[in-house]
Amino acid sequence: MRRADIGLITFHMRVGTQQVIQLKIYRDGTIIRMGGGGMPPIPIGGVSYWPGNGIFEKLMEKLPPQLLVNDIAYEEPIHSQ
């Protein structure tokens, strides 16, 4: 896979089985947030459209090259302490 093929970055944060926040960051500047990020989870969401905001590009710069050798639906293993 090439970096140019990626159009969406998603983040999911869970506490146990409960999702506390999900972020979707699109290449075109659309950002979708679901959840407030705290416990207990609250059903709140929002969508923003900021073309040219640079957030997607900054995240792509941090993308480790070894992730590009995996399929598009690749998920990092969950590490518990």
PDB file of N, CA and C in Angstrom:
ATOM      1  N   MET A   1       0.845  -1.169   0.000  1.00  0.00           N
ATOM      2  CA  MET A   1       0.000   0.000   0.000  1.00  0.00           C
ATOM      3  C   MET A   1       0.897   1.242   0.000  1.00  0.00           C
ATOM      4  N   ARG A   2       0.430   2.286  -0.659  1.00  0.00           N
ATOM      5  CA  ARG A   2       1.164   3.542  -0.709  1.00  0.00           C
ATOM      6  C   ARG A   2       0.460   4.577   0.165  1.00  0.00           C
ATOM      7  N   ARG A   3       1.203   5.542   0.676  1.00  0.00           N
ATOM      8  CA  ARG A   3       0.606   6.610   1.487  1.00  0.00           C
ATOM      9  C   ARG A   3      -0.485   7.348   0.722  1.00  0.00           C
ATOM     10  N   ALA A   4      -0.311   7.495  -0.589  1.00  0.00           N
ATOM     11  CA  ALA A   4      -1.304   8.200  -1.409  1.00  0.00           C
ATOM     12  C   ALA A   4      -2.625   7.445  -1.490  1.00  0.00           C
ATOM     13  N   ASP A   5      -2.622   6.139  -1.194  1.00  0.00           N
ATOM     14  CA  ASP A   5      -3.845   5.331  -1.234  1.00  0.00           C
ATOM     15  C   ASP A   5      -4.709   5.527   0.006  1.00  0.00           C
ATOM     16  N   ILE A   6      -4.162   6.109   1.048  1.00  0.00           N
ATOM     17  CA  ILE A   6      -4.877   6.253   2.319  1.00  0.00           C
ATOM     18  C   ILE A   6      -5.686   7.543   2.293  1.00  0.00           C
ATOM     19  N   GLY A   7      -6.974   7.433   2.597  1.00  0.00           N
ATOM     20  CA  GLY A   7      -7.846   8.603   2.598  1.00  0.00           C
ATOM     21  C   GLY A   7      -8.545   8.822   3.918  1.00  0.00           C
ATOM     22  N   LEU A   8      -8.367   7.898   4.874  1.00  0.00           N
ATOM     23  CA  LEU A   8      -9.064   7.985   6.155  1.00  0.00           C
ATOM     24  C   LEU A   8      -8.192   7.377   7.245  1.00  0.00           C
ATOM     25  N   ILE A   9      -8.090   8.079   8.361  1.00  0.00           N
ATOM     26  CA  ILE A   9      -7.407   7.570   9.548  1.00  0.00           C
ATOM     27  C   ILE A   9      -8.448   7.530  10.658  1.00  0.00           C
ATOM     28  N   THR A  10      -8.553   6.395  11.351  1.00  0.00           N
ATOM     29  CA  THR A  10      -9.509   6.288  12.456  1.00  0.00           C
ATOM     30  C   THR A  10      -8.787   5.951  13.747  1.00  0.00           C
ATOM     31  N   PHE A  11      -9.317   6.494  14.824  1.00  0.00           N
ATOM     32  CA  PHE A  11      -8.845   6.197  16.173  1.00  0.00           C
ATOM     33  C   PHE A  11     -10.047   5.746  16.981  1.00  0.00           C
ATOM     34  N   HIS A  12      -9.871   4.683  17.741  1.00  0.00           N
ATOM     35  CA  HIS A  12     -10.910   4.197  18.639  1.00  0.00           C
ATOM     36  C   HIS A  12     -10.286   4.040  20.015  1.00  0.00           C
ATOM     37  N   MET A  13     -10.931   4.563  21.027  1.00  0.00           N
ATOM     38  CA  MET A  13     -10.450   4.368  22.387  1.00  0.00           C
ATOM     39  C   MET A  13     -11.565   3.688  23.182  1.00  0.00           C
ATOM     40  N   ARG A  14     -11.208   2.588  23.817  1.00  0.00           N
ATOM     41  CA  ARG A  14     -12.168   1.830  24.617  1.00  0.00           C
ATOM     42  C   ARG A  14     -11.657   1.703  26.047  1.00  0.00           C
ATOM     43  N   VAL A  15     -12.597   1.666  26.951  1.00  0.00           N
ATOM     44  CA  VAL A  15     -12.316   1.323  28.342  1.00  0.00           C
ATOM     45  C   VAL A  15     -13.118   0.063  28.600  1.00  0.00           C
ATOM     46  N   GLY A  16     -12.404  -1.052  28.718  1.00  0.00           N
ATOM     47  CA  GLY A  16     -13.097  -2.337  28.781  1.00  0.00           C
ATOM     48  C   GLY A  16     -13.782  -2.580  27.447  1.00  0.00           C
ATOM     49  N   THR A  17     -15.088  -2.791  27.491  1.00  0.00           N
ATOM     50  CA  THR A  17     -15.846  -3.013  26.256  1.00  0.00           C
ATOM     51  C   THR A  17     -16.557  -1.760  25.773  1.00  0.00           C
ATOM     52  N   GLN A  18     -16.444  -0.656  26.522  1.00  0.00           N
ATOM     53  CA  GLN A  18     -17.159   0.570  26.171  1.00  0.00           C
ATOM     54  C   GLN A  18     -16.282   1.515  25.355  1.00  0.00           C
ATOM     55  N   GLN A  19     -16.807   1.938  24.210  1.00  0.00           N
ATOM     56  CA  GLN A  19     -16.073   2.899  23.381  1.00  0.00           C
ATOM     57  C   GLN A  19     -16.296   4.292  23.949  1.00  0.00           C
ATOM     58  N   VAL A  20     -15.199   4.987  24.285  1.00  0.00           N
ATOM     59  CA  VAL A  20     -15.328   6.321  24.882  1.00  0.00           C
ATOM     60  C   VAL A  20     -15.140   7.426  23.854  1.00  0.00           C
ATOM     61  N   ILE A  21     -14.392   7.156  22.776  1.00  0.00           N
ATOM     62  CA  ILE A  21     -14.259   8.147  21.704  1.00  0.00           C
ATOM     63  C   ILE A  21     -13.823   7.447  20.428  1.00  0.00           C
ATOM     64  N   GLN A  22     -14.322   7.970  19.319  1.00  0.00           N
ATOM     65  CA  GLN A  22     -13.885   7.525  18.003  1.00  0.00           C
ATOM     66  C   GLN A  22     -13.676   8.773  17.159  1.00  0.00           C
ATOM     67  N   LEU A  23     -12.536   8.830  16.487  1.00  0.00           N
ATOM     68  CA  LEU A  23     -12.222   9.937  15.588  1.00  0.00           C
ATOM     69  C   LEU A  23     -12.007   9.382  14.187  1.00  0.00           C
ATOM     70  N   LYS A  24     -12.579  10.063  13.202  1.00  0.00           N
ATOM     71  CA  LYS A  24     -12.330   9.749  11.795  1.00  0.00           C
ATOM     72  C   LYS A  24     -11.783  11.019  11.167  1.00  0.00           C
ATOM     73  N   ILE A  25     -10.588  10.936  10.611  1.00  0.00           N
ATOM     74  CA  ILE A  25      -9.928  12.091  10.003  1.00  0.00           C
ATOM     75  C   ILE A  25      -9.726  11.761   8.526  1.00  0.00           C
ATOM     76  N   TYR A  26     -10.396  12.525   7.661  1.00  0.00           N
ATOM     77  CA  TYR A  26     -10.348  12.294   6.221  1.00  0.00           C
ATOM     78  C   TYR A  26      -9.339  13.222   5.559  1.00  0.00           C
ATOM     79  N   ARG A  27      -8.804  12.775   4.448  1.00  0.00           N
ATOM     80  CA  ARG A  27      -7.834  13.542   3.681  1.00  0.00           C
ATOM     81  C   ARG A  27      -8.397  14.893   3.242  1.00  0.00           C
ATOM     82  N   ASP A  28      -9.711  14.985   2.980  1.00  0.00           N
ATOM     83  CA  ASP A  28     -10.301  16.231   2.478  1.00  0.00           C
ATOM     84  C   ASP A  28     -10.542  17.284   3.562  1.00  0.00           C
ATOM     85  N   GLY A  29     -10.231  16.950   4.832  1.00  0.00           N
ATOM     86  CA  GLY A  29     -10.408  17.912   5.912  1.00  0.00           C
ATOM     87  C   GLY A  29     -11.605  17.642   6.797  1.00  0.00           C
ATOM     88  N   THR A  30     -12.395  16.610   6.482  1.00  0.00           N
ATOM     89  CA  THR A  30     -13.543  16.255   7.310  1.00  0.00           C
ATOM     90  C   THR A  30     -13.053  15.521   8.555  1.00  0.00           C
ATOM     91  N   ILE A  31     -13.554  15.927   9.712  1.00  0.00           N
ATOM     92  CA  ILE A  31     -13.235  15.273  10.980  1.00  0.00           C
ATOM     93  C   ILE A  31     -14.551  14.926  11.661  1.00  0.00           C
ATOM     94  N   ILE A  32     -14.703  13.664  12.043  1.00  0.00           N
ATOM     95  CA  ILE A  32     -15.898  13.197  12.732  1.00  0.00           C
ATOM     96  C   ILE A  32     -15.477  12.694  14.101  1.00  0.00           C
ATOM     97  N   ARG A  33     -16.177  13.168  15.124  1.00  0.00           N
ATOM     98  CA  ARG A  33     -15.902  12.713  16.492  1.00  0.00           C
ATOM     99  C   ARG A  33     -17.188  12.148  17.073  1.00  0.00           C
ATOM    100  N   MET A  34     -17.077  10.953  17.664  1.00  0.00           N
ATOM    101  CA  MET A  34     -18.199  10.337  18.353  1.00  0.00           C
ATOM    102  C   MET A  34     -17.731   9.980  19.758  1.00  0.00           C
ATOM    103  N   GLY A  35     -18.421  10.502  20.752  1.00  0.00           N
ATOM    104  CA  GLY A  35     -18.055  10.276  22.137  1.00  0.00           C
ATOM    105  C   GLY A  35     -17.315  11.467  22.711  1.00  0.00           C
ATOM    106  N   GLY A  36     -17.274  11.518  24.033  1.00  0.00           N
ATOM    107  CA  GLY A  36     -16.630  12.635  24.712  1.00  0.00           C
ATOM    108  C   GLY A  36     -15.242  12.330  25.230  1.00  0.00           C
ATOM    109  N   GLY A  37     -14.859  11.060  25.218  1.00  0.00           N
ATOM    110  CA  GLY A  37     -13.519  10.681  25.646  1.00  0.00           C
ATOM    111  C   GLY A  37     -13.397  10.356  27.114  1.00  0.00           C
ATOM    112  N   GLY A  38     -14.482  10.399  27.859  1.00  0.00           N
ATOM    113  CA  GLY A  38     -14.413  10.113  29.288  1.00  0.00           C
ATOM    114  C   GLY A  38     -15.373   9.020  29.697  1.00  0.00           C
ATOM    115  N   MET A  39     -15.313   8.693  30.957  1.00  0.00           N
ATOM    116  CA  MET A  39     -16.208   7.689  31.527  1.00  0.00           C
ATOM    117  C   MET A  39     -17.150   8.382  32.488  1.00  0.00           C
ATOM    118  N   PRO A  40     -18.416   8.042  32.517  1.00  0.00           N
ATOM    119  CA  PRO A  40     -19.042   7.079  31.617  1.00  0.00           C
ATOM    120  C   PRO A  40     -19.172   7.668  30.221  1.00  0.00           C
ATOM    121  N   PRO A  41     -19.223   6.798  29.188  1.00  0.00           N
ATOM    122  CA  PRO A  41     -19.352   7.286  27.810  1.00  0.00           C
ATOM    123  C   PRO A  41     -20.629   8.105  27.644  1.00  0.00           C
ATOM    124  N   ILE A  42     -20.538   9.179  26.887  1.00  0.00           N
ATOM    125  CA  ILE A  42     -21.724   9.988  26.620  1.00  0.00           C
ATOM    126  C   ILE A  42     -21.995   9.975  25.117  1.00  0.00           C
ATOM    127  N   PRO A  43     -23.269   9.910  24.744  1.00  0.00           N
ATOM    128  CA  PRO A  43     -23.610   9.852  23.316  1.00  0.00           C
ATOM    129  C   PRO A  43     -23.584  11.245  22.685  1.00  0.00           C
ATOM    130  N   ILE A  44     -22.412  11.706  22.322  1.00  0.00           N
ATOM    131  CA  ILE A  44     -22.255  13.018  21.708  1.00  0.00           C
ATOM    132  C   ILE A  44     -21.386  12.850  20.470  1.00  0.00           C
ATOM    133  N   GLY A  45     -21.613  13.677  19.492  1.00  0.00           N
ATOM    134  CA  GLY A  45     -20.808  13.583  18.282  1.00  0.00           C
ATOM    135  C   GLY A  45     -20.760  14.917  17.572  1.00  0.00           C
ATOM    136  N   GLY A  46     -19.891  15.004  16.619  1.00  0.00           N
ATOM    137  CA  GLY A  46     -19.781  16.224  15.845  1.00  0.00           C
ATOM    138  C   GLY A  46     -19.016  15.974  14.566  1.00  0.00           C
ATOM    139  N   VAL A  47     -19.287  16.821  13.575  1.00  0.00           N
ATOM    140  CA  VAL A  47     -18.600  16.748  12.293  1.00  0.00           C
ATOM    141  C   VAL A  47     -18.092  18.135  11.963  1.00  0.00           C
ATOM    142  N   SER A  48     -16.850  18.211  11.523  1.00  0.00           N
ATOM    143  CA  SER A  48     -16.257  19.479  11.093  1.00  0.00           C
ATOM    144  C   SER A  48     -15.674  19.291   9.707  1.00  0.00           C
ATOM    145  N   TYR A  49     -15.660  20.349   8.946  1.00  0.00           N
ATOM    146  CA  TYR A  49     -15.022  20.314   7.635  1.00  0.00           C
ATOM    147  C   TYR A  49     -14.080  21.491   7.559  1.00  0.00           C
ATOM    148  N   TRP A  50     -12.777  21.199   7.607  1.00  0.00           N
ATOM    149  CA  TRP A  50     -11.735  22.224   7.562  1.00  0.00           C
ATOM    150  C   TRP A  50     -10.774  21.888   6.439  1.00  0.00           C
ATOM    151  N   PRO A  51     -11.101  22.240   5.198  1.00  0.00           N
ATOM    152  CA  PRO A  51     -10.166  21.929   4.113  1.00  0.00           C
ATOM    153  C   PRO A  51      -8.830  22.647   4.341  1.00  0.00           C
ATOM    154  N   GLY A  52      -7.773  21.934   4.081  1.00  0.00           N
ATOM    155  CA  GLY A  52      -6.452  22.529   4.220  1.00  0.00           C
ATOM    156  C   GLY A  52      -5.979  22.694   5.651  1.00  0.00           C
ATOM    157  N   ASN A  53      -6.590  21.956   6.609  1.00  0.00           N
ATOM    158  CA  ASN A  53      -6.198  22.113   8.010  1.00  0.00           C
ATOM    159  C   ASN A  53      -4.863  21.451   8.337  1.00  0.00           C
ATOM    160  N   GLY A  54      -4.416  20.497   7.519  1.00  0.00           N
ATOM    161  CA  GLY A  54      -3.114  19.870   7.720  1.00  0.00           C
ATOM    162  C   GLY A  54      -3.083  18.749   8.740  1.00  0.00           C
ATOM    163  N   ILE A  55      -4.181  18.486   9.439  1.00  0.00           N
ATOM    164  CA  ILE A  55      -4.184  17.435  10.465  1.00  0.00           C
ATOM    165  C   ILE A  55      -3.910  16.071   9.844  1.00  0.00           C
ATOM    166  N   PHE A  56      -4.583  15.764   8.741  1.00  0.00           N
ATOM    167  CA  PHE A  56      -4.380  14.473   8.079  1.00  0.00           C
ATOM    168  C   PHE A  56      -2.917  14.298   7.682  1.00  0.00           C
ATOM    169  N   GLU A  57      -2.346  15.330   7.086  1.00  0.00           N
ATOM    170  CA  GLU A  57      -0.959  15.249   6.633  1.00  0.00           C
ATOM    171  C   GLU A  57       0.005  15.062   7.800  1.00  0.00           C
ATOM    172  N   LYS A  58      -0.242  15.741   8.912  1.00  0.00           N
ATOM    173  CA  LYS A  58       0.636  15.592  10.086  1.00  0.00           C
ATOM    174  C   LYS A  58       0.556  14.172  10.640  1.00  0.00           C
ATOM    175  N   LEU A  59      -0.643  13.590  10.645  1.00  0.00           N
ATOM    176  CA  LEU A  59      -0.782  12.205  11.100  1.00  0.00           C
ATOM    177  C   LEU A  59      -0.089  11.238  10.131  1.00  0.00           C
ATOM    178  N   MET A  60      -0.192  11.509   8.836  1.00  0.00           N
ATOM    179  CA  MET A  60       0.457  10.646   7.852  1.00  0.00           C
ATOM    180  C   MET A  60       1.972  10.672   8.010  1.00  0.00           C
ATOM    181  N   GLU A  61       2.534  11.810   8.405  1.00  0.00           N
ATOM    182  CA  GLU A  61       3.976  11.893   8.638  1.00  0.00           C
ATOM    183  C   GLU A  61       4.407  10.971   9.771  1.00  0.00           C
ATOM    184  N   LYS A  62       3.516  10.725  10.734  1.00  0.00           N
ATOM    185  CA  LYS A  62       3.829   9.880  11.889  1.00  0.00           C
ATOM    186  C   LYS A  62       3.579   8.401  11.624  1.00  0.00           C
ATOM    187  N   LEU A  63       2.962   8.076  10.491  1.00  0.00           N
ATOM    188  CA  LEU A  63       2.627   6.694  10.170  1.00  0.00           C
ATOM    189  C   LEU A  63       3.895   5.871   9.981  1.00  0.00           C
ATOM    190  N   PRO A  64       4.113   4.843  10.809  1.00  0.00           N
ATOM    191  CA  PRO A  64       5.313   4.017  10.668  1.00  0.00           C
ATOM    192  C   PRO A  64       5.316   3.298   9.314  1.00  0.00           C
ATOM    193  N   PRO A  65       6.443   3.278   8.617  1.00  0.00           N
ATOM    194  CA  PRO A  65       6.512   2.633   7.294  1.00  0.00           C
ATOM    195  C   PRO A  65       6.104   1.165   7.316  1.00  0.00           C
ATOM    196  N   GLN A  66       6.329   0.469   8.433  1.00  0.00           N
ATOM    197  CA  GLN A  66       5.996  -0.953   8.484  1.00  0.00           C
ATOM    198  C   GLN A  66       4.488  -1.198   8.398  1.00  0.00           C
ATOM    199  N   LEU A  67       3.664  -0.185   8.706  1.00  0.00           N
ATOM    200  CA  LEU A  67       2.222  -0.361   8.558  1.00  0.00           C
ATOM    201  C   LEU A  67       1.800  -0.422   7.099  1.00  0.00           C
ATOM    202  N   LEU A  68       2.589   0.148   6.220  1.00  0.00           N
ATOM    203  CA  LEU A  68       2.239   0.178   4.804  1.00  0.00           C
ATOM    204  C   LEU A  68       2.371  -1.187   4.130  1.00  0.00           C
ATOM    205  N   VAL A  69       3.047  -2.130   4.773  1.00  0.00           N
ATOM    206  CA  VAL A  69       3.175  -3.462   4.187  1.00  0.00           C
ATOM    207  C   VAL A  69       1.960  -4.327   4.499  1.00  0.00           C
ATOM    208  N   ASN A  70       1.071  -3.864   5.381  1.00  0.00           N
ATOM    209  CA  ASN A  70      -0.114  -4.624   5.772  1.00  0.00           C
ATOM    210  C   ASN A  70      -1.323  -4.220   4.937  1.00  0.00           C
ATOM    211  N   ASP A  71      -2.383  -5.022   5.039  1.00  0.00           N
ATOM    212  CA  ASP A  71      -3.630  -4.713   4.357  1.00  0.00           C
ATOM    213  C   ASP A  71      -4.227  -3.424   4.894  1.00  0.00           C
ATOM    214  N   ILE A  72      -5.146  -2.850   4.142  1.00  0.00           N
ATOM    215  CA  ILE A  72      -5.776  -1.591   4.538  1.00  0.00           C
ATOM    216  C   ILE A  72      -6.534  -1.745   5.856  1.00  0.00           C
ATOM    217  N   ALA A  73      -7.124  -2.888   6.109  1.00  0.00           N
ATOM    218  CA  ALA A  73      -7.916  -3.086   7.327  1.00  0.00           C
ATOM    219  C   ALA A  73      -7.056  -3.525   8.516  1.00  0.00           C
ATOM    220  N   TYR A  74      -5.760  -3.288   8.465  1.00  0.00           N
ATOM    221  CA  TYR A  74      -4.846  -3.700   9.532  1.00  0.00           C
ATOM    222  C   TYR A  74      -5.167  -2.984  10.831  1.00  0.00           C
ATOM    223  N   GLU A  75      -5.133  -3.717  11.941  1.00  0.00           N
ATOM    224  CA  GLU A  75      -5.296  -3.133  13.267  1.00  0.00           C
ATOM    225  C   GLU A  75      -4.125  -3.537  14.124  1.00  0.00           C
ATOM    226  N   GLU A  76      -3.582  -2.559  14.856  1.00  0.00           N
ATOM    227  CA  GLU A  76      -2.507  -2.845  15.783  1.00  0.00           C
ATOM    228  C   GLU A  76      -3.041  -3.735  16.906  1.00  0.00           C
ATOM    229  N   PRO A  77      -2.234  -4.656  17.406  1.00  0.00           N
ATOM    230  CA  PRO A  77      -2.684  -5.462  18.543  1.00  0.00           C
ATOM    231  C   PRO A  77      -2.860  -4.566  19.776  1.00  0.00           C
ATOM    232  N   ILE A  78      -3.808  -4.945  20.622  1.00  0.00           N
ATOM    233  CA  ILE A  78      -4.071  -4.192  21.846  1.00  0.00           C
ATOM    234  C   ILE A  78      -3.098  -4.674  22.912  1.00  0.00           C
ATOM    235  N   HIS A  79      -2.374  -3.740  23.509  1.00  0.00           N
ATOM    236  CA  HIS A  79      -1.420  -4.057  24.561  1.00  0.00           C
ATOM    237  C   HIS A  79      -2.027  -3.640  25.896  1.00  0.00           C
ATOM    238  N   SER A  80      -2.058  -4.558  26.822  1.00  0.00           N
ATOM    239  CA  SER A  80      -2.542  -4.203  28.161  1.00  0.00           C
ATOM    240  C   SER A  80      -1.401  -4.262  29.137  1.00  0.00           C
ATOM    241  N   GLN A  81      -1.442  -3.363  30.110  1.00  0.00           N
ATOM    242  CA  GLN A  81      -0.351  -3.267  31.083  1.00  0.00           C
ATOM    243  C   GLN A  81      -0.657  -4.054  32.322  1.00  0.00           C
TER     244      GLN A  81
END
